[in-house]
């Protein structure tokens, strides 16, 4: 059998991988994408995202370049604001406790808009995130939290658009083709060993880009690196991101870097399946907690639900829920805020209870100390500063006073039936530790030198996220560094 030969081989078929493949294809002839999953499960974690992308923009003029379909009516009834590079830098620094790699973060921020514009040229369509990131107050929508743009059709639409773009631009895609190891010697990486159709073959390449995700779907690695109990977390996305692609690089001397004990993890439907369900997508998430309270098995609040906008806290609160007794919590709301609950609360696959009184409600919370829960709710209600106006579009300062666990914003007395409660556990999205790369997305070895012919992008790159994560940055990160990795790999292959 003749050994297949490509200029660039990309391992993975999510957003970062397709960005790398399409970027490489701009300047070289033969590009191959290797997807471990069958076509019906393809797309990695990208397939499961809502599609939000954090991007620097200077008002409506920049947004119209990204979204030319924006109508004059939409612009008239919406306060899009701006999101400056300085704001993006501040958000990245603050939520990562100032540990994010400064050089990589500089690229992420400075190239965010130009990369999304490039994606649009490749066939990706963007729309405003109405509903999830803007509430209508006094007849006008106002965007908050620096997050305004999402891909049309969410993650599934993004994977479909990338797949069509790859076909259009002559990129080969192999499904059910699992990368097993890298072909490497003292001169660098020369290809990939691939298991396809039950046989292991070698694919030769001028350069290889690794974009096969983190290790979140590997319970043994989760327990090893994230800590005891993490094997109990649900996996929000694909079952195929098991760390194999990271290990391929480590096996040839690549340097690990970043927050290996950290991850993106959220509040997730308590009775969701072990891995993501493509029919449900990201709708198992439960992200309206800033407008209610969360109670654990002991009937106690355990976190400041209103510490910040949702998209600055949701990625770290999954870990907090996992650390509660029984690894679960209940989110409690009254009817005053029901109209603010995201669409994910309306799906059929939800563990939900309703009641006309608080006494009835706490009695329906499975595995919760009902007496303690009722006392906790009453203490919370008594502590709310009702003289401060409630406003979901800003950090309104409507807080509690005197509680051991405060609520800093959006505190409302739970006093208007019917009451609703939703059971959540921890859903892990992706892991933060990964491979060290330079600003050309070239993988570095443990001696601090680049490994010739090897590049990386997406979740498996370490050093960018620590402890927490600004919502919508993952896809942008994959896009920016996927584009860089593809261009660098093509140049090296030539």
Protein backbone atom coordinates (compact mmCIF):
# COMPACT_ATOMS: atom_id res chain seq x y z
CA UNK A 1 0.00 0.00 0.00
CA UNK A 2 1.30 3.44 -0.93
CA UNK A 3 1.93 5.71 2.05
CA UNK A 4 -0.40 8.74 1.85
CA UNK A 5 1.48 12.05 1.61
CA UNK A 6 0.12 15.46 2.63
CA UNK A 7 1.62 18.89 3.13
CA UNK A 8 -0.27 19.41 6.41
CA UNK A 9 -2.19 16.90 8.52
CA UNK A 10 -4.57 18.26 11.18
CA UNK A 11 -5.56 15.96 14.04
CA UNK A 12 -9.12 16.78 15.11
CA UNK A 13 -12.21 18.16 13.37
CA UNK A 14 -13.61 20.87 15.62
CA UNK A 15 -13.43 24.63 15.24
CA UNK A 16 -9.67 24.98 15.93
CA UNK A 17 -8.88 22.09 13.60
CA UNK A 18 -10.91 23.44 10.69
CA UNK A 19 -9.42 26.91 11.18
CA UNK A 20 -5.98 25.32 10.93
CA UNK A 21 -6.91 23.27 7.88
CA UNK A 22 -8.48 26.18 5.97
CA UNK A 23 -5.60 28.48 6.93
CA UNK A 24 -3.03 25.93 5.74
CA UNK A 25 -4.94 25.35 2.53
CA UNK A 26 -4.49 29.01 1.57
CA UNK A 27 -0.81 28.41 0.84
CA UNK A 28 -0.29 24.69 0.32
CA UNK A 29 -1.74 21.98 -1.85
CA UNK A 30 -2.73 18.91 0.17
CA UNK A 31 -4.35 19.18 3.59
CA UNK A 32 -5.89 16.30 5.56
CA UNK A 33 -8.16 16.44 8.62
CA UNK A 34 -8.26 13.33 10.82
CA UNK A 35 -11.47 12.86 12.83
CA UNK A 36 -11.54 10.06 15.41
CA UNK A 37 -15.37 9.99 15.48
CA UNK A 38 -17.71 8.74 12.82
CA UNK A 39 -19.28 11.46 10.71
CA UNK A 40 -22.52 11.44 12.74
CA UNK A 41 -20.56 12.25 15.93
CA UNK A 42 -17.90 14.46 14.34
CA UNK A 43 -16.95 17.97 15.39
CA UNK A 44 -15.45 17.47 18.84
CA UNK A 45 -16.59 19.79 21.60
CA UNK A 46 -17.45 22.46 19.03
CA UNK A 47 -20.56 20.47 18.11
CA UNK A 48 -21.89 20.88 21.67
CA UNK A 49 -21.28 24.61 22.18
CA UNK A 50 -23.85 27.39 21.98
CA UNK A 51 -21.46 29.17 19.59
CA UNK A 52 -20.68 32.33 21.60
CA UNK A 53 -17.44 34.08 20.59
CA UNK A 54 -15.79 36.86 22.57
CA UNK A 55 -14.40 39.50 20.23
CA UNK A 56 -13.04 43.03 20.40
CA UNK A 57 -15.31 45.53 18.64
CA UNK A 58 -15.57 49.30 18.52
CA UNK A 59 -19.32 49.73 18.32
CA UNK A 60 -21.90 48.84 15.69
CA UNK A 61 -19.61 49.56 12.71
CA UNK A 62 -17.37 46.60 13.58
CA UNK A 63 -20.36 44.37 14.36
CA UNK A 64 -21.90 45.18 10.98
CA UNK A 65 -18.74 43.93 9.28
CA UNK A 66 -19.22 40.63 11.10
CA UNK A 67 -23.01 40.61 10.82
CA UNK A 68 -24.09 42.48 7.68
CA UNK A 69 -27.60 41.08 8.21
CA UNK A 70 -28.09 43.43 11.19
CA UNK A 71 -31.13 45.56 10.44
CA UNK A 72 -31.61 49.24 11.21
CA UNK A 73 -34.48 48.25 13.50
CA UNK A 74 -32.26 45.87 15.49
CA UNK A 75 -29.63 48.58 15.85
CA UNK A 76 -32.22 51.16 16.93
CA UNK A 77 -33.60 48.96 19.71
CA UNK A 78 -30.27 47.60 20.95
CA UNK A 79 -27.43 49.02 23.01
CA UNK A 80 -24.51 46.93 21.71
CA UNK A 81 -21.93 49.07 23.51
CA UNK A 82 -18.27 48.40 22.79
CA UNK A 83 -15.77 45.78 23.90
CA UNK A 84 -12.25 47.16 23.78
CA UNK A 85 -8.95 45.31 23.74
CA UNK A 86 -8.24 46.72 27.19
CA UNK A 87 -11.51 45.28 28.50
CA UNK A 88 -10.67 41.87 27.00
CA UNK A 89 -7.18 41.99 28.58
CA UNK A 90 -8.70 42.98 31.91
CA UNK A 91 -11.22 40.15 31.79
CA UNK A 92 -8.59 37.57 30.89
CA UNK A 93 -6.24 38.79 33.62
CA UNK A 94 -8.89 39.05 36.32
CA UNK A 95 -10.54 35.66 35.86
CA UNK A 96 -7.22 33.78 35.47
CA UNK A 97 -5.78 35.57 38.53
CA UNK A 98 -3.16 37.20 36.25
CA UNK A 99 -1.60 33.88 35.24
CA UNK A 100 -2.58 33.79 31.55
CA UNK A 101 0.45 33.72 29.25
CA UNK A 102 0.98 37.38 28.24
CA UNK A 103 2.28 36.67 24.72
CA UNK A 104 -0.49 34.22 23.82
CA UNK A 105 -3.13 36.44 25.40
CA UNK A 106 -1.86 39.38 23.35
CA UNK A 107 -2.48 37.39 20.17
CA UNK A 108 -5.86 36.14 21.37
CA UNK A 109 -7.12 39.66 22.04
CA UNK A 110 -5.47 41.61 19.21
CA UNK A 111 -6.41 39.12 16.50
CA UNK A 112 -9.92 38.28 17.66
CA UNK A 113 -11.79 40.57 15.27
CA UNK A 114 -9.60 39.97 12.22
CA UNK A 115 -9.89 36.21 12.78
CA UNK A 116 -13.69 36.29 12.95
CA UNK A 117 -13.78 38.41 9.80
CA UNK A 118 -11.57 35.79 8.13
CA UNK A 119 -13.97 33.08 9.32
CA UNK A 120 -16.82 35.00 7.70
CA UNK A 121 -14.90 34.99 4.41
CA UNK A 122 -14.70 31.20 4.76
CA UNK A 123 -18.46 30.88 5.10
CA UNK A 124 -19.15 31.22 8.83
CA UNK A 125 -22.18 33.35 9.68
CA UNK A 126 -22.50 35.34 12.91
CA UNK A 127 -25.57 36.71 14.74
CA UNK A 128 -26.14 38.70 17.95
CA UNK A 129 -26.75 36.71 21.16
CA UNK A 130 -30.20 38.06 21.94
CA UNK A 131 -31.90 36.31 24.85
CA UNK A 132 -28.78 34.91 26.50
CA UNK A 133 -26.68 38.10 26.71
CA UNK A 134 -29.22 40.92 26.50
CA UNK A 135 -32.44 41.55 28.39
CA UNK A 136 -35.12 43.95 27.20
CA UNK A 137 -35.53 46.79 29.71
CA UNK A 138 -37.75 49.80 28.94
CA UNK A 139 -38.11 48.71 25.33
CA UNK A 140 -34.39 48.36 24.60
CA UNK A 141 -31.97 45.44 24.65
CA UNK A 142 -28.63 46.00 26.37
CA UNK A 143 -25.72 43.62 25.95
CA UNK A 144 -23.62 42.87 29.02
CA UNK A 145 -20.49 40.97 29.99
CA UNK A 146 -18.52 41.77 26.83
CA UNK A 147 -20.21 39.02 24.86
CA UNK A 148 -22.31 39.94 21.82
CA UNK A 149 -21.63 37.53 18.94
CA UNK A 150 -22.41 33.86 18.30
CA UNK A 151 -22.19 31.58 15.31
CA UNK A 152 -25.40 30.93 13.40
CA UNK A 153 -26.91 27.58 14.37
CA UNK A 154 -24.70 27.26 17.46
CA UNK A 155 -21.98 24.64 17.56
CA UNK A 156 -23.79 22.26 15.24
CA UNK A 157 -24.21 25.02 12.66
CA UNK A 158 -20.55 25.94 13.00
CA UNK A 159 -19.35 22.37 12.38
CA UNK A 160 -21.68 22.05 9.39
CA UNK A 161 -20.42 25.34 7.93
CA UNK A 162 -16.77 24.38 8.45
CA UNK A 163 -17.34 20.98 6.84
CA UNK A 164 -18.87 22.60 3.76
CA UNK A 165 -16.04 25.13 3.61
CA UNK A 166 -13.44 22.35 3.82
CA UNK A 167 -15.09 20.52 0.94
CA UNK A 168 -15.28 23.72 -1.11
CA UNK A 169 -11.58 24.47 -0.58
CA UNK A 170 -10.35 20.97 -1.30
CA UNK A 171 -9.46 19.82 2.23
CA UNK A 172 -9.68 16.04 2.71
CA UNK A 173 -11.50 14.78 5.83
CA UNK A 174 -11.17 11.20 7.09
CA UNK A 175 -13.80 10.07 9.59
CA UNK A 176 -13.36 7.19 12.04
CA UNK A 177 -9.63 7.79 11.64
CA UNK A 178 -7.93 7.77 15.02
CA UNK A 179 -4.45 9.27 15.30
CA UNK A 180 -2.37 6.80 17.32
CA UNK A 181 1.08 8.39 17.45
CA UNK A 182 3.38 10.85 15.74
CA UNK A 183 6.12 9.82 13.36
CA UNK A 184 9.16 11.68 14.64
CA UNK A 185 12.94 11.57 14.78
CA UNK A 186 15.78 13.93 15.65
CA UNK A 187 14.75 16.21 12.77
CA UNK A 188 11.18 16.64 14.01
CA UNK A 189 7.73 15.35 13.12
CA UNK A 190 7.12 13.76 9.72
CA UNK A 191 3.63 12.35 9.94
CA UNK A 192 0.99 10.49 11.93
CA UNK A 193 0.16 6.85 12.49
CA UNK A 194 -3.58 6.42 12.00
CA UNK A 195 -5.96 3.57 12.78
CA UNK A 196 -8.60 3.48 10.06
CA UNK A 197 -10.90 0.65 9.00
CA UNK A 198 -9.27 -1.63 11.56
CA UNK A 199 -5.76 -1.14 10.16
CA UNK A 200 -2.91 1.09 11.32
CA UNK A 201 -1.30 3.09 8.53
CA UNK A 202 1.24 5.88 8.35
CA UNK A 203 0.36 9.23 6.80
CA UNK A 204 3.39 11.30 5.83
CA UNK A 205 3.21 15.05 6.28
CA UNK A 206 5.36 18.13 5.93
CA UNK A 207 3.81 19.42 9.16
CA UNK A 208 1.24 18.24 11.72
CA UNK A 209 -1.24 20.39 13.65
CA UNK A 210 -2.68 18.89 16.83
CA UNK A 211 -6.21 20.13 17.58
CA UNK A 212 -7.85 17.12 19.18
CA UNK A 213 -9.18 18.60 22.42
CA UNK A 214 -8.39 18.21 26.11
CA UNK A 215 -8.68 15.19 28.40
CA UNK A 216 -12.07 15.86 29.96
CA UNK A 217 -13.65 12.64 28.64
CA UNK A 218 -11.01 10.48 30.37
CA UNK A 219 -12.16 9.75 33.96
CA UNK A 220 -8.76 8.31 34.93
CA UNK A 221 -6.92 11.44 33.80
CA UNK A 222 -9.55 13.65 35.48
CA UNK A 223 -8.95 11.92 38.81
CA UNK A 224 -5.18 11.99 38.25
CA UNK A 225 -4.84 15.65 37.34
CA UNK A 226 -7.98 17.44 38.55
CA UNK A 227 -8.22 15.52 41.81
CA UNK A 228 -10.31 13.01 43.74
CA UNK A 229 -14.00 13.12 42.85
CA UNK A 230 -13.59 14.44 39.33
CA UNK A 231 -14.26 10.99 37.88
CA UNK A 232 -17.85 11.62 39.09
CA UNK A 233 -18.40 14.68 36.89
CA UNK A 234 -20.60 14.56 33.80
CA UNK A 235 -18.94 15.33 30.46
CA UNK A 236 -20.75 18.14 28.65
CA UNK A 237 -19.38 17.38 25.21
CA UNK A 238 -17.81 14.69 23.07
CA UNK A 239 -16.74 11.31 24.43
CA UNK A 240 -13.67 11.36 22.20
CA UNK A 241 -11.56 14.03 23.95
CA UNK A 242 -9.61 11.62 26.12
CA UNK A 243 -6.15 13.21 26.09
CA UNK A 244 -4.72 10.85 23.48
CA UNK A 245 -3.56 13.70 21.25
CA UNK A 246 -1.83 15.45 24.17
CA UNK A 247 -0.08 12.17 25.04
CA UNK A 248 1.14 11.77 21.45
CA UNK A 249 3.05 15.01 21.82
CA UNK A 250 4.28 14.34 25.36
CA UNK A 251 5.62 10.97 24.16
CA UNK A 252 8.04 12.74 21.80
CA UNK A 253 9.21 15.28 24.37
CA UNK A 254 6.65 18.08 24.16
CA UNK A 255 6.47 20.35 27.21
CA UNK A 256 3.34 20.38 29.36
CA UNK A 257 2.22 23.76 30.67
CA UNK A 258 -0.67 25.49 32.38
CA UNK A 259 -3.36 24.71 34.90
CA UNK A 260 -3.42 20.89 34.76
CA UNK A 261 -5.61 20.72 37.86
CA UNK A 262 -8.03 23.28 36.39
CA UNK A 263 -10.93 23.04 33.99
CA UNK A 264 -14.05 24.70 32.62
CA UNK A 265 -16.96 23.15 34.53
CA UNK A 266 -20.55 24.35 34.92
CA UNK A 267 -23.89 23.64 36.53
CA UNK A 268 -25.38 20.80 34.51
CA UNK A 269 -28.60 18.76 34.64
CA UNK A 270 -28.19 16.31 37.55
CA UNK A 271 -29.59 13.34 35.62
CA UNK A 272 -27.90 14.04 32.29
CA UNK A 273 -26.07 11.13 30.61
CA UNK A 274 -22.37 10.46 31.20
CA UNK A 275 -21.37 12.23 27.98
CA UNK A 276 -22.98 14.94 25.86
CA UNK A 277 -26.13 14.13 23.89
CA UNK A 278 -26.12 15.67 20.41
CA UNK A 279 -29.91 15.75 20.37
CA UNK A 280 -29.87 18.05 23.42
CA UNK A 281 -26.58 19.86 22.77
CA UNK A 282 -25.69 22.37 25.48
CA UNK A 283 -29.26 22.60 26.82
CA UNK A 284 -28.41 20.51 29.91
CA UNK A 285 -26.58 23.58 31.26
CA UNK A 286 -28.40 25.70 33.83
CA UNK A 287 -27.00 29.24 33.82
CA UNK A 288 -29.73 31.50 35.23
CA UNK A 289 -28.59 31.00 38.83
CA UNK A 290 -27.74 34.75 39.30
CA UNK A 291 -31.51 35.38 39.54
CA UNK A 292 -32.17 32.76 42.22
CA UNK A 293 -30.33 30.86 44.93
CA UNK A 294 -28.57 27.50 45.09
CA UNK A 295 -29.02 25.02 47.95
CA UNK A 296 -26.95 21.91 48.68
CA UNK A 297 -27.99 18.62 50.35
CA UNK A 298 -27.68 20.23 53.77
CA UNK A 299 -30.15 22.91 52.73
CA UNK A 300 -27.45 25.59 52.73
CA UNK A 301 -26.41 28.23 50.23
CA UNK A 302 -22.74 27.73 49.40
CA UNK A 303 -21.77 30.32 46.77
CA UNK A 304 -22.44 33.96 45.88
CA UNK A 305 -24.82 33.49 42.97
CA UNK A 306 -24.59 37.19 42.10
CA UNK A 307 -20.83 37.70 42.41
CA UNK A 308 -20.56 38.76 38.76
CA UNK A 309 -22.26 38.38 35.41
CA UNK A 310 -22.97 34.75 34.62
CA UNK A 311 -20.34 34.51 31.90
CA UNK A 312 -17.59 35.37 34.42
CA UNK A 313 -18.62 32.79 37.04
CA UNK A 314 -20.36 29.85 35.33
CA UNK A 315 -17.12 28.10 34.29
CA UNK A 316 -15.87 27.84 37.87
CA UNK A 317 -19.13 27.08 39.69
CA UNK A 318 -19.28 23.52 38.35
CA UNK A 319 -16.28 22.72 40.55
CA UNK A 320 -18.03 24.30 43.55
CA UNK A 321 -21.14 22.14 42.93
CA UNK A 322 -18.99 19.00 42.59
CA UNK A 323 -17.52 19.73 46.03
CA UNK A 324 -20.96 19.74 47.70
CA UNK A 325 -22.30 16.67 49.55
CA UNK A 326 -23.56 14.26 46.92
CA UNK A 327 -22.09 16.39 44.10
CA UNK A 328 -25.37 18.22 43.42
CA UNK A 329 -27.41 21.33 44.20
CA UNK A 330 -30.87 22.77 43.57
CA UNK A 331 -31.39 26.13 41.86
CA UNK A 332 -34.46 27.88 43.30
CA UNK A 333 -36.49 30.67 41.64
CA UNK A 334 -39.84 32.37 42.12
CA UNK A 335 -42.22 33.55 39.41
CA UNK A 336 -40.89 37.15 39.40
CA UNK A 337 -37.84 36.02 37.45
CA UNK A 338 -39.31 33.17 35.45
CA UNK A 339 -39.27 35.28 32.28
CA UNK A 340 -35.48 35.69 32.68
CA UNK A 341 -34.72 31.97 32.73
CA UNK A 342 -32.85 30.80 29.66
CA UNK A 343 -34.41 28.38 27.16
CA UNK A 344 -32.42 25.49 28.62
CA UNK A 345 -34.81 25.47 31.61
CA UNK A 346 -37.70 24.58 29.29
CA UNK A 347 -36.41 21.30 27.84
CA UNK A 348 -38.13 17.99 28.60
CA UNK A 349 -34.96 16.38 29.97
CA UNK A 350 -34.91 18.39 33.18
CA UNK A 351 -35.17 17.52 36.87
CA UNK A 352 -37.66 20.12 38.08
CA UNK A 353 -40.12 20.60 40.92
CA UNK A 354 -42.78 23.30 41.38
CA UNK A 355 -44.80 24.35 44.41
CA UNK A 356 -47.22 27.04 45.62
CA UNK A 357 -45.48 27.47 49.00
CA UNK A 358 -41.88 27.39 50.17
CA UNK A 359 -42.80 24.66 52.69
CA UNK A 360 -44.13 22.50 49.87
CA UNK A 361 -41.12 23.28 47.66
CA UNK A 362 -38.41 22.22 50.13
CA UNK A 363 -40.29 18.97 50.73
CA UNK A 364 -39.94 18.15 47.05
CA UNK A 365 -36.17 18.72 46.83
CA UNK A 366 -34.77 15.20 46.58
CA UNK A 367 -31.90 14.40 48.97
CA UNK A 368 -32.11 17.81 50.70
CA UNK A 369 -32.63 18.54 54.42
CA UNK A 370 -36.05 20.24 54.04
CA UNK A 371 -36.12 21.86 57.49
CA UNK A 372 -32.68 23.41 57.03
CA UNK A 373 -33.54 24.50 53.49
CA UNK A 374 -36.67 26.36 54.64
CA UNK A 375 -34.73 28.12 57.39
CA UNK A 376 -32.04 29.07 54.88
CA UNK A 377 -34.54 30.56 52.43
CA UNK A 378 -36.23 32.56 55.18
CA UNK A 379 -32.87 33.91 56.39
CA UNK A 380 -31.97 34.83 52.82
CA UNK A 381 -35.31 36.57 52.24
CA UNK A 382 -34.88 38.64 55.39
CA UNK A 383 -31.40 39.76 54.29
CA UNK A 384 -32.29 41.17 50.84
CA UNK A 385 -31.84 44.95 50.38
CA UNK A 386 -35.22 45.57 48.78
CA UNK A 387 -34.66 49.33 48.56
CA UNK A 388 -32.17 48.83 45.69
CA UNK A 389 -33.79 48.46 42.21
CA UNK A 390 -33.39 45.11 40.43
CA UNK A 391 -31.76 45.33 36.98
CA UNK A 392 -30.54 42.15 35.22
CA UNK A 393 -28.51 44.10 32.62
CA UNK A 394 -26.05 45.63 35.10
CA UNK A 395 -24.39 44.62 38.34
CA UNK A 396 -27.20 46.31 40.26
CA UNK A 397 -25.82 46.11 43.80
CA UNK A 398 -29.10 44.64 45.02
CA UNK A 399 -27.47 42.47 47.65
CA UNK A 400 -27.96 40.75 51.00
CA UNK A 401 -26.79 41.96 54.39
CA UNK A 402 -25.42 39.90 57.23
CA UNK A 403 -25.30 36.44 55.63
CA UNK A 404 -22.28 34.14 55.94
CA UNK A 405 -22.52 33.60 52.16
CA UNK A 406 -23.57 36.94 50.61
CA UNK A 407 -25.37 37.54 47.36
CA UNK A 408 -23.79 40.64 45.81
CA UNK A 409 -26.20 41.43 42.96
CA UNK A 410 -29.68 40.53 41.68
CA UNK A 411 -30.92 39.44 45.12
CA UNK A 412 -34.72 39.07 45.09
CA UNK A 413 -36.94 37.93 47.94
CA UNK A 414 -38.42 34.52 47.13
CA UNK A 415 -42.04 35.39 47.84
CA UNK A 416 -44.07 35.03 44.63
CA UNK A 417 -45.44 31.59 43.76
CA UNK A 418 -45.34 29.35 41.94
CA UNK A 419 -41.79 28.44 42.98
CA UNK A 420 -39.49 26.34 40.79
CA UNK A 421 -36.32 24.39 41.53
CA UNK A 422 -33.92 22.58 39.22
CA UNK A 423 -31.40 19.88 40.19
CA UNK A 424 -27.84 20.35 38.90
CA UNK A 425 -24.49 18.64 39.17
CA UNK A 426 -21.06 19.36 37.67
CA UNK A 427 -20.62 19.23 33.90
CA UNK A 428 -17.02 19.44 32.70
CA UNK A 429 -16.45 21.23 29.40
CA UNK A 430 -12.70 21.18 28.82
CA UNK A 431 -9.42 20.98 30.71
CA UNK A 432 -6.98 23.89 31.06
CA UNK A 433 -3.63 22.06 31.11
CA UNK A 434 -1.94 21.18 27.85
CA UNK A 435 0.98 21.67 25.51
CA UNK A 436 3.33 24.64 25.50
CA UNK A 437 3.37 26.58 22.22
CA UNK A 438 5.11 29.73 21.03
CA UNK A 439 3.46 32.64 19.23
CA UNK A 440 3.66 30.73 15.92
CA UNK A 441 1.62 27.93 17.57
CA UNK A 442 4.69 25.69 17.33
CA UNK A 443 4.85 23.02 20.04
CA UNK A 444 7.82 23.43 22.35
CA UNK A 445 9.86 20.61 23.86
CA UNK A 446 10.95 20.25 27.47
CA UNK A 447 14.28 21.93 26.64
CA UNK A 448 12.41 25.06 25.55
CA UNK A 449 13.01 24.54 21.84
CA UNK A 450 10.35 24.25 19.12
CA UNK A 451 9.69 20.76 17.77
CA UNK A 452 10.11 21.04 13.97
CA UNK A 453 6.94 20.19 12.06
CA UNK A 454 4.59 20.17 15.08
CA UNK A 455 1.91 22.79 15.85
CA UNK A 456 -1.11 22.92 18.15
CA UNK A 457 -4.34 24.86 18.73
CA UNK A 458 -7.54 24.70 20.75
CA UNK A 459 -8.27 23.03 24.06
CA UNK A 460 -5.01 21.07 24.18
CA UNK A 461 -2.87 24.23 24.34
CA UNK A 462 -2.02 25.14 27.93
CA UNK A 463 -1.09 28.42 29.54
CA UNK A 464 -4.09 30.50 28.48
CA UNK A 465 -6.83 29.68 31.01
CA UNK A 466 -6.31 29.28 34.76
CA UNK A 467 -8.97 28.72 37.46
CA UNK A 468 -11.74 30.32 35.42
CA UNK A 469 -12.69 31.53 31.97
CA UNK A 470 -14.46 34.49 30.36
CA UNK A 471 -17.50 33.10 28.52
CA UNK A 472 -17.12 32.76 24.76
CA UNK A 473 -13.31 32.76 24.79
CA UNK A 474 -12.83 29.08 23.96
CA UNK A 475 -14.03 29.22 20.37
CA UNK A 476 -12.19 32.50 19.81
CA UNK A 477 -9.01 30.98 21.23
CA UNK A 478 -9.35 27.95 18.95
CA UNK A 479 -10.00 30.16 15.94
CA UNK A 480 -7.10 32.58 16.51
CA UNK A 481 -4.51 29.91 17.19
CA UNK A 482 -5.97 27.49 14.65
CA UNK A 483 -5.47 30.11 11.96
CA UNK A 484 -1.92 30.81 13.19
CA UNK A 485 -1.09 27.11 13.45
CA UNK A 486 -2.34 26.38 9.94
CA UNK A 487 -0.37 29.24 8.37
CA UNK A 488 2.79 28.31 10.29
CA UNK A 489 2.46 24.62 9.44
CA UNK A 490 1.95 25.41 5.74
CA UNK A 491 5.00 27.68 5.66
CA UNK A 492 7.13 25.01 7.31
CA UNK A 493 5.83 22.29 4.96
CA UNK A 494 6.75 24.35 1.90
